[in-house]
Structures are given as structure tokens and as C-alpha cells.
Amino acid sequence: MEIKIARIRDGVELPKYVPESAACFDLQAAENTTLQPGEIRPIPSGLIIHVPLGYMLMIAPRSSAPKHGISMPHSVGIIDPTYCGPEDEVLILIQNRTDQPINIEKGQRIAQGFFVEVPHVVWNEVDKSELAPTSRGGFGSTGTH
């Protein structure tokens, strides 16, 4: 899959698969930032990524994030195909989960991304009696029966 991408800040690297066989590519911070304890801030990637129609770019935390005291407070980010204008820099929302300031260095890998195909559906509204005849018992009920 070939993806259009633009660097909008000096010294920003294109995303990389590390190692090459990885399922996701790494996204890096485009500038040095200090996050105060508990602070949540969008960290710029320095990139505009054109997501093809029928896909989304999902941004997820790296597995090493907790070691560095950071997290993505909303767990994932979703970039739609419409977010690719000249001002639509990919930003990664990061939270300092520690009681000490954390320095994010330019070039530090702070998240990972992958493309997901997203079909658009046509809703076929039916009476509930036409749905599957089994019931699990509601939200959070798996494995409780």
C-alpha cells in the first residue's frame, strides 16, 4: 500500500517499521517537550498523512510506554481520510502518569500506527425477534453463566 505523507517540520523522520517485520510503524515526537506530572498534551508528529478512502489510521500506544511513565489517555487515536489538509498534522495525545516531569525528546518513538480497512455499512433495521435467538445477559456478562 502506498501512502501520501508530508513532513511539515524540519528534521522529522518518516514512520518506520522497527523491526522491518513489525505489524505497526512507529511515530516520533517532532519536538522536545516536557510534560508535568499528570499533564495531558498533544505531541506533534511533524507529519500530515493522507489516509485512503475506505481506511483509517489507528494510532496506539507502544508497549514500552508504561516504562517511560507515559500513556495515551484515550487508548487509541483514529485518523480519518478527511484529516489531511495543509494544517492537519498528526498529533499524539500523551499523558505523564508519574509524579515527576518527563522529557519527551525530538525523535523519541511515542506511539505506533497501522491502517485498518473500514467498510461502510447499510443498516437493515429489523424487529428484535429477527435477531439471533440467544442472549448473554447484558454488558459484562461473558463467562458469568
N, C-alpha and C. Protein backbone atom coordinates (compact mmCIF):
# COMPACT_ATOMS: atom_id res chain seq x y z
N MET A 1 0.86 -1.16 0.00
CA MET A 1 0.00 0.00 0.00
C MET A 1 0.90 1.23 0.00
N GLU A 2 0.64 2.14 -0.88
CA GLU A 2 1.42 3.38 -0.95
C GLU A 2 0.59 4.51 -0.35
N ILE A 3 1.19 5.27 0.57
CA ILE A 3 0.50 6.32 1.32
C ILE A 3 1.20 7.65 1.08
N LYS A 4 0.42 8.69 0.77
CA LYS A 4 0.97 10.04 0.64
C LYS A 4 1.22 10.59 2.04
N ILE A 5 2.41 11.21 2.21
CA ILE A 5 2.79 11.76 3.51
C ILE A 5 3.61 13.02 3.28
N ALA A 6 3.43 14.02 4.14
CA ALA A 6 4.19 15.26 4.03
C ALA A 6 4.83 15.57 5.37
N ARG A 7 6.10 15.96 5.32
CA ARG A 7 6.80 16.43 6.53
C ARG A 7 6.59 17.94 6.60
N ILE A 8 6.13 18.42 7.74
CA ILE A 8 5.87 19.86 7.87
C ILE A 8 6.75 20.52 8.92
N ARG A 9 7.69 19.77 9.45
CA ARG A 9 8.67 20.31 10.40
C ARG A 9 10.05 19.80 10.01
N ASP A 10 11.05 20.63 10.25
CA ASP A 10 12.42 20.24 9.91
C ASP A 10 12.90 19.09 10.78
N GLY A 11 13.67 18.19 10.18
CA GLY A 11 14.32 17.12 10.91
C GLY A 11 13.42 15.97 11.32
N VAL A 12 12.21 15.91 10.80
CA VAL A 12 11.29 14.83 11.15
C VAL A 12 11.54 13.64 10.23
N GLU A 13 11.59 12.45 10.84
CA GLU A 13 11.77 11.23 10.05
C GLU A 13 10.42 10.66 9.66
N LEU A 14 10.40 9.96 8.53
CA LEU A 14 9.19 9.25 8.15
C LEU A 14 8.99 8.07 9.10
N PRO A 15 7.74 7.65 9.29
CA PRO A 15 7.50 6.49 10.16
C PRO A 15 8.25 5.26 9.67
N LYS A 16 8.68 4.42 10.62
CA LYS A 16 9.44 3.21 10.29
C LYS A 16 8.84 2.01 10.99
N TYR A 17 8.97 0.86 10.32
CA TYR A 17 8.66 -0.42 10.95
C TYR A 17 9.94 -0.91 11.60
N VAL A 18 9.95 -1.04 12.93
CA VAL A 18 11.12 -1.49 13.67
C VAL A 18 10.73 -2.65 14.57
N PRO A 19 11.20 -3.87 14.24
CA PRO A 19 11.97 -4.25 13.06
C PRO A 19 11.10 -4.20 11.81
N GLU A 20 11.72 -4.42 10.68
CA GLU A 20 11.02 -4.33 9.40
C GLU A 20 9.78 -5.23 9.35
N SER A 21 9.79 -6.32 10.09
CA SER A 21 8.68 -7.27 10.09
C SER A 21 7.56 -6.88 11.08
N ALA A 22 7.69 -5.77 11.78
CA ALA A 22 6.69 -5.35 12.77
C ALA A 22 5.34 -5.10 12.12
N ALA A 23 4.27 -5.31 12.87
CA ALA A 23 2.92 -5.09 12.37
C ALA A 23 2.58 -3.60 12.28
N CYS A 24 3.21 -2.79 13.12
CA CYS A 24 2.92 -1.36 13.18
C CYS A 24 4.18 -0.55 12.92
N PHE A 25 3.99 0.68 12.45
CA PHE A 25 5.11 1.59 12.28
C PHE A 25 5.13 2.55 13.46
N ASP A 26 6.33 3.02 13.80
CA ASP A 26 6.50 3.92 14.94
C ASP A 26 6.31 5.36 14.51
N LEU A 27 5.70 6.13 15.40
CA LEU A 27 5.56 7.58 15.21
C LEU A 27 6.41 8.26 16.27
N GLN A 28 7.10 9.33 15.86
CA GLN A 28 8.04 10.00 16.74
C GLN A 28 7.57 11.41 17.09
N ALA A 29 8.07 11.90 18.21
CA ALA A 29 7.84 13.30 18.59
C ALA A 29 8.63 14.20 17.66
N ALA A 30 8.01 15.29 17.22
CA ALA A 30 8.66 16.21 16.30
C ALA A 30 9.38 17.35 17.01
N GLU A 31 9.25 17.41 18.34
CA GLU A 31 9.91 18.48 19.10
C GLU A 31 10.15 18.02 20.53
N ASN A 32 11.08 18.66 21.19
CA ASN A 32 11.32 18.41 22.61
C ASN A 32 10.16 18.98 23.41
N THR A 33 9.69 18.22 24.38
CA THR A 33 8.55 18.63 25.21
C THR A 33 8.77 18.12 26.61
N THR A 34 8.41 18.92 27.60
CA THR A 34 8.41 18.46 28.98
C THR A 34 6.96 18.40 29.46
N LEU A 35 6.57 17.22 29.94
CA LEU A 35 5.23 17.03 30.49
C LEU A 35 5.33 17.04 32.00
N GLN A 36 4.53 17.87 32.63
CA GLN A 36 4.49 17.93 34.09
C GLN A 36 3.67 16.75 34.62
N PRO A 37 3.82 16.40 35.88
CA PRO A 37 3.08 15.28 36.44
C PRO A 37 1.57 15.38 36.16
N GLY A 38 1.01 14.32 35.60
CA GLY A 38 -0.41 14.28 35.29
C GLY A 38 -0.83 15.04 34.05
N GLU A 39 0.08 15.82 33.46
CA GLU A 39 -0.29 16.65 32.32
C GLU A 39 -0.63 15.79 31.09
N ILE A 40 -1.62 16.24 30.36
CA ILE A 40 -2.02 15.65 29.08
C ILE A 40 -1.79 16.70 28.01
N ARG A 41 -1.06 16.31 26.96
CA ARG A 41 -0.76 17.28 25.90
C ARG A 41 -0.64 16.57 24.56
N PRO A 42 -1.12 17.21 23.49
CA PRO A 42 -0.89 16.65 22.15
C PRO A 42 0.56 16.89 21.73
N ILE A 43 1.23 15.84 21.33
CA ILE A 43 2.62 15.93 20.89
C ILE A 43 2.62 15.88 19.36
N PRO A 44 3.22 16.87 18.71
CA PRO A 44 3.21 16.89 17.24
C PRO A 44 4.12 15.82 16.65
N SER A 45 3.68 15.24 15.54
CA SER A 45 4.48 14.26 14.82
C SER A 45 5.28 14.90 13.69
N GLY A 46 4.88 16.11 13.29
CA GLY A 46 5.52 16.77 12.15
C GLY A 46 5.08 16.20 10.81
N LEU A 47 4.00 15.42 10.81
CA LEU A 47 3.56 14.73 9.60
C LEU A 47 2.09 14.99 9.31
N ILE A 48 1.79 15.09 8.03
CA ILE A 48 0.42 15.00 7.54
C ILE A 48 0.36 13.71 6.75
N ILE A 49 -0.58 12.84 7.11
CA ILE A 49 -0.68 11.53 6.47
C ILE A 49 -2.03 11.44 5.77
N HIS A 50 -2.01 11.18 4.49
CA HIS A 50 -3.24 11.04 3.71
C HIS A 50 -3.73 9.61 3.81
N VAL A 51 -4.83 9.42 4.51
CA VAL A 51 -5.42 8.10 4.68
C VAL A 51 -6.34 7.83 3.49
N PRO A 52 -6.16 6.70 2.80
CA PRO A 52 -7.02 6.42 1.64
C PRO A 52 -8.48 6.20 2.05
N LEU A 53 -9.40 6.53 1.14
CA LEU A 53 -10.81 6.25 1.37
C LEU A 53 -11.00 4.77 1.65
N GLY A 54 -11.87 4.46 2.59
CA GLY A 54 -12.12 3.07 2.96
C GLY A 54 -11.19 2.56 4.04
N TYR A 55 -10.32 3.44 4.55
CA TYR A 55 -9.36 3.07 5.61
C TYR A 55 -9.39 4.10 6.71
N MET A 56 -8.80 3.75 7.83
CA MET A 56 -8.49 4.70 8.89
C MET A 56 -7.07 4.40 9.35
N LEU A 57 -6.42 5.40 9.87
CA LEU A 57 -5.12 5.22 10.51
C LEU A 57 -5.40 5.14 12.00
N MET A 58 -5.05 4.03 12.61
CA MET A 58 -5.21 3.89 14.05
C MET A 58 -3.86 4.12 14.72
N ILE A 59 -3.87 4.96 15.73
CA ILE A 59 -2.66 5.26 16.50
C ILE A 59 -2.86 4.64 17.88
N ALA A 60 -1.90 3.83 18.29
CA ALA A 60 -1.99 3.09 19.55
C ALA A 60 -0.72 3.33 20.36
N PRO A 61 -0.78 3.12 21.68
CA PRO A 61 0.42 3.26 22.50
C PRO A 61 1.44 2.18 22.16
N ARG A 62 2.69 2.50 22.31
CA ARG A 62 3.75 1.49 22.20
C ARG A 62 3.76 0.68 23.50
N SER A 63 4.16 -0.57 23.41
CA SER A 63 4.16 -1.41 24.61
C SER A 63 5.16 -0.90 25.65
N SER A 64 6.15 -0.12 25.23
CA SER A 64 7.14 0.40 26.18
C SER A 64 6.68 1.69 26.88
N ALA A 65 5.53 2.21 26.50
CA ALA A 65 5.07 3.49 27.07
C ALA A 65 5.05 3.49 28.60
N PRO A 66 4.50 2.46 29.25
CA PRO A 66 4.48 2.50 30.73
C PRO A 66 5.87 2.57 31.36
N LYS A 67 6.87 1.95 30.71
CA LYS A 67 8.25 2.04 31.23
C LYS A 67 8.74 3.48 31.28
N HIS A 68 8.22 4.30 30.35
CA HIS A 68 8.64 5.69 30.26
C HIS A 68 7.70 6.62 31.03
N GLY A 69 6.68 6.03 31.69
CA GLY A 69 5.76 6.82 32.50
C GLY A 69 4.70 7.56 31.71
N ILE A 70 4.53 7.18 30.45
CA ILE A 70 3.54 7.87 29.62
C ILE A 70 2.45 6.91 29.17
N SER A 71 1.32 7.49 28.80
CA SER A 71 0.22 6.71 28.23
C SER A 71 -0.55 7.60 27.27
N MET A 72 -1.42 6.97 26.51
CA MET A 72 -2.38 7.70 25.68
C MET A 72 -3.70 7.64 26.44
N PRO A 73 -4.16 8.76 27.00
CA PRO A 73 -5.31 8.72 27.90
C PRO A 73 -6.60 8.21 27.26
N HIS A 74 -6.73 8.28 25.96
CA HIS A 74 -7.92 7.76 25.30
C HIS A 74 -7.67 6.40 24.65
N SER A 75 -6.51 5.81 24.90
CA SER A 75 -6.10 4.47 24.45
C SER A 75 -5.74 4.38 22.98
N VAL A 76 -6.52 4.96 22.10
CA VAL A 76 -6.20 4.94 20.67
C VAL A 76 -6.60 6.27 20.05
N GLY A 77 -6.03 6.54 18.91
CA GLY A 77 -6.43 7.69 18.10
C GLY A 77 -6.83 7.19 16.72
N ILE A 78 -7.78 7.85 16.11
CA ILE A 78 -8.24 7.46 14.78
C ILE A 78 -8.13 8.66 13.86
N ILE A 79 -7.45 8.45 12.74
CA ILE A 79 -7.30 9.49 11.73
C ILE A 79 -8.14 9.06 10.52
N ASP A 80 -9.10 9.90 10.16
CA ASP A 80 -9.99 9.65 9.03
C ASP A 80 -9.38 10.17 7.72
N PRO A 81 -9.90 9.71 6.58
CA PRO A 81 -9.41 10.20 5.29
C PRO A 81 -9.59 11.71 5.11
N THR A 82 -10.53 12.32 5.81
CA THR A 82 -10.78 13.76 5.65
C THR A 82 -9.78 14.62 6.41
N TYR A 83 -8.96 14.03 7.27
CA TYR A 83 -7.99 14.80 8.06
C TYR A 83 -6.64 14.78 7.35
N CYS A 84 -6.54 15.55 6.28
CA CYS A 84 -5.28 15.56 5.52
C CYS A 84 -5.03 16.89 4.84
N GLY A 85 -5.60 17.96 5.39
CA GLY A 85 -5.36 19.28 4.83
C GLY A 85 -3.99 19.80 5.23
N PRO A 86 -3.63 20.96 4.73
CA PRO A 86 -2.29 21.51 4.98
C PRO A 86 -2.00 21.85 6.44
N GLU A 87 -3.01 21.91 7.29
CA GLU A 87 -2.82 22.19 8.72
C GLU A 87 -3.12 20.97 9.58
N ASP A 88 -3.39 19.82 8.98
CA ASP A 88 -3.84 18.64 9.72
C ASP A 88 -2.68 17.73 10.13
N GLU A 89 -1.81 18.27 10.96
CA GLU A 89 -0.69 17.50 11.48
C GLU A 89 -1.20 16.40 12.41
N VAL A 90 -0.64 15.22 12.29
CA VAL A 90 -0.98 14.13 13.20
C VAL A 90 -0.40 14.49 14.57
N LEU A 91 -1.29 14.56 15.56
CA LEU A 91 -0.92 14.85 16.94
C LEU A 91 -1.20 13.61 17.77
N ILE A 92 -0.35 13.34 18.74
CA ILE A 92 -0.48 12.16 19.58
C ILE A 92 -0.69 12.64 21.01
N LEU A 93 -1.87 12.36 21.55
CA LEU A 93 -2.21 12.79 22.90
C LEU A 93 -1.48 11.90 23.91
N ILE A 94 -0.63 12.52 24.73
CA ILE A 94 0.21 11.80 25.70
C ILE A 94 -0.04 12.35 27.09
N GLN A 95 -0.05 11.45 28.06
CA GLN A 95 -0.19 11.84 29.47
C GLN A 95 1.01 11.36 30.26
N ASN A 96 1.52 12.24 31.13
CA ASN A 96 2.55 11.88 32.09
C ASN A 96 1.85 11.21 33.27
N ARG A 97 2.11 9.93 33.49
CA ARG A 97 1.45 9.16 34.55
C ARG A 97 2.27 9.13 35.84
N THR A 98 3.32 9.92 35.92
CA THR A 98 4.20 9.89 37.08
C THR A 98 4.02 11.15 37.93
N ASP A 99 4.76 11.20 39.03
CA ASP A 99 4.75 12.40 39.88
C ASP A 99 5.98 13.27 39.65
N GLN A 100 6.69 13.01 38.53
CA GLN A 100 7.88 13.77 38.15
C GLN A 100 7.72 14.29 36.71
N PRO A 101 8.35 15.42 36.37
CA PRO A 101 8.33 15.86 34.97
C PRO A 101 8.99 14.81 34.07
N ILE A 102 8.48 14.67 32.88
CA ILE A 102 9.03 13.73 31.90
C ILE A 102 9.40 14.53 30.66
N ASN A 103 10.63 14.31 30.18
CA ASN A 103 11.08 14.94 28.95
C ASN A 103 10.85 13.99 27.78
N ILE A 104 10.13 14.49 26.80
CA ILE A 104 9.96 13.78 25.53
C ILE A 104 10.94 14.43 24.56
N GLU A 105 11.85 13.65 24.02
CA GLU A 105 12.87 14.18 23.12
C GLU A 105 12.42 14.10 21.67
N LYS A 106 12.80 15.09 20.88
CA LYS A 106 12.54 15.05 19.44
C LYS A 106 13.13 13.75 18.89
N GLY A 107 12.32 13.03 18.12
CA GLY A 107 12.76 11.76 17.55
C GLY A 107 12.42 10.55 18.41
N GLN A 108 11.95 10.78 19.64
CA GLN A 108 11.56 9.66 20.51
C GLN A 108 10.30 9.01 19.96
N ARG A 109 10.32 7.69 19.90
CA ARG A 109 9.15 6.95 19.44
C ARG A 109 8.10 6.95 20.56
N ILE A 110 6.94 7.53 20.28
CA ILE A 110 5.93 7.71 21.33
C ILE A 110 4.62 6.98 21.06
N ALA A 111 4.43 6.48 19.85
CA ALA A 111 3.20 5.76 19.51
C ALA A 111 3.48 4.88 18.31
N GLN A 112 2.49 4.07 17.96
CA GLN A 112 2.60 3.25 16.76
C GLN A 112 1.31 3.36 15.97
N GLY A 113 1.42 3.15 14.67
CA GLY A 113 0.25 3.30 13.82
C GLY A 113 0.10 2.13 12.87
N PHE A 114 -1.13 1.95 12.42
CA PHE A 114 -1.43 0.93 11.41
C PHE A 114 -2.72 1.32 10.71
N PHE A 115 -2.85 0.86 9.47
CA PHE A 115 -4.03 1.15 8.68
C PHE A 115 -5.03 0.01 8.80
N VAL A 116 -6.29 0.38 8.91
CA VAL A 116 -7.37 -0.59 9.06
C VAL A 116 -8.42 -0.30 7.99
N GLU A 117 -8.81 -1.33 7.27
CA GLU A 117 -9.89 -1.18 6.30
C GLU A 117 -11.21 -1.06 7.05
N VAL A 118 -12.01 -0.08 6.69
CA VAL A 118 -13.28 0.16 7.38
C VAL A 118 -14.42 0.24 6.37
N PRO A 119 -15.13 -0.87 6.22
CA PRO A 119 -16.26 -0.84 5.29
C PRO A 119 -17.39 0.03 5.85
N HIS A 120 -18.06 0.72 4.98
CA HIS A 120 -19.26 1.44 5.38
C HIS A 120 -20.44 0.50 5.22
N VAL A 121 -21.30 0.49 6.21
CA VAL A 121 -22.40 -0.47 6.22
C VAL A 121 -23.71 0.22 5.82
N VAL A 122 -24.64 -0.58 5.41
CA VAL A 122 -26.01 -0.14 5.18
C VAL A 122 -26.84 -0.81 6.25
N TRP A 123 -27.54 -0.02 7.04
CA TRP A 123 -28.32 -0.55 8.16
C TRP A 123 -29.60 -1.19 7.64
N ASN A 124 -29.89 -2.36 8.11
CA ASN A 124 -31.10 -3.10 7.79
C ASN A 124 -31.86 -3.27 9.09
N GLU A 125 -32.72 -2.31 9.41
CA GLU A 125 -33.43 -2.35 10.68
C GLU A 125 -34.50 -3.43 10.66
N VAL A 126 -34.48 -4.27 11.71
CA VAL A 126 -35.44 -5.35 11.83
C VAL A 126 -36.02 -5.34 13.23
N ASP A 127 -37.06 -6.11 13.44
CA ASP A 127 -37.61 -6.30 14.77
C ASP A 127 -36.64 -7.16 15.56
N LYS A 128 -36.52 -6.96 16.86
CA LYS A 128 -35.55 -7.72 17.65
C LYS A 128 -35.80 -9.22 17.60
N SER A 129 -37.03 -9.64 17.29
CA SER A 129 -37.32 -11.07 17.18
C SER A 129 -36.63 -11.71 15.98
N GLU A 130 -36.17 -10.88 15.03
CA GLU A 130 -35.48 -11.39 13.85
C GLU A 130 -33.98 -11.56 14.07
N LEU A 131 -33.49 -11.16 15.23
CA LEU A 131 -32.07 -11.28 15.53
C LEU A 131 -31.78 -12.66 16.12
N ALA A 132 -30.52 -12.92 16.43
CA ALA A 132 -30.12 -14.22 16.98
C ALA A 132 -30.96 -14.58 18.20
N PRO A 133 -31.37 -15.84 18.34
CA PRO A 133 -32.27 -16.23 19.43
C PRO A 133 -31.61 -16.40 20.80
N THR A 134 -30.30 -16.20 20.91
CA THR A 134 -29.62 -16.37 22.19
C THR A 134 -29.35 -15.04 22.84
N SER A 135 -29.13 -15.05 24.15
CA SER A 135 -28.82 -13.83 24.89
C SER A 135 -27.72 -14.15 25.89
N ARG A 136 -26.79 -13.22 26.06
CA ARG A 136 -25.70 -13.41 27.02
C ARG A 136 -26.04 -12.81 28.37
N GLY A 137 -27.07 -12.02 28.46
CA GLY A 137 -27.44 -11.47 29.76
C GLY A 137 -26.97 -10.04 29.98
N GLY A 138 -26.48 -9.36 28.96
CA GLY A 138 -26.15 -7.95 29.09
C GLY A 138 -24.66 -7.68 29.14
N PHE A 139 -24.34 -6.40 29.26
CA PHE A 139 -22.96 -5.91 29.28
C PHE A 139 -22.18 -6.52 30.43
N GLY A 140 -20.99 -7.04 30.13
CA GLY A 140 -20.12 -7.61 31.16
C GLY A 140 -20.51 -8.98 31.62
N SER A 141 -21.34 -9.68 30.83
CA SER A 141 -21.86 -10.97 31.29
C SER A 141 -21.10 -12.17 30.73
N THR A 142 -20.14 -11.99 29.83
CA THR A 142 -19.42 -13.13 29.25
C THR A 142 -18.74 -13.93 30.34
N GLY A 143 -18.96 -15.23 30.33
CA GLY A 143 -18.30 -16.12 31.28
C GLY A 143 -18.91 -16.15 32.67
N THR A 144 -20.06 -15.48 32.85
CA THR A 144 -20.67 -15.47 34.19
C THR A 144 -21.78 -16.50 34.33
N HIS A 145 -22.10 -17.21 33.26
CA HIS A 145 -23.20 -18.20 33.30
C HIS A 145 -22.62 -19.60 33.29
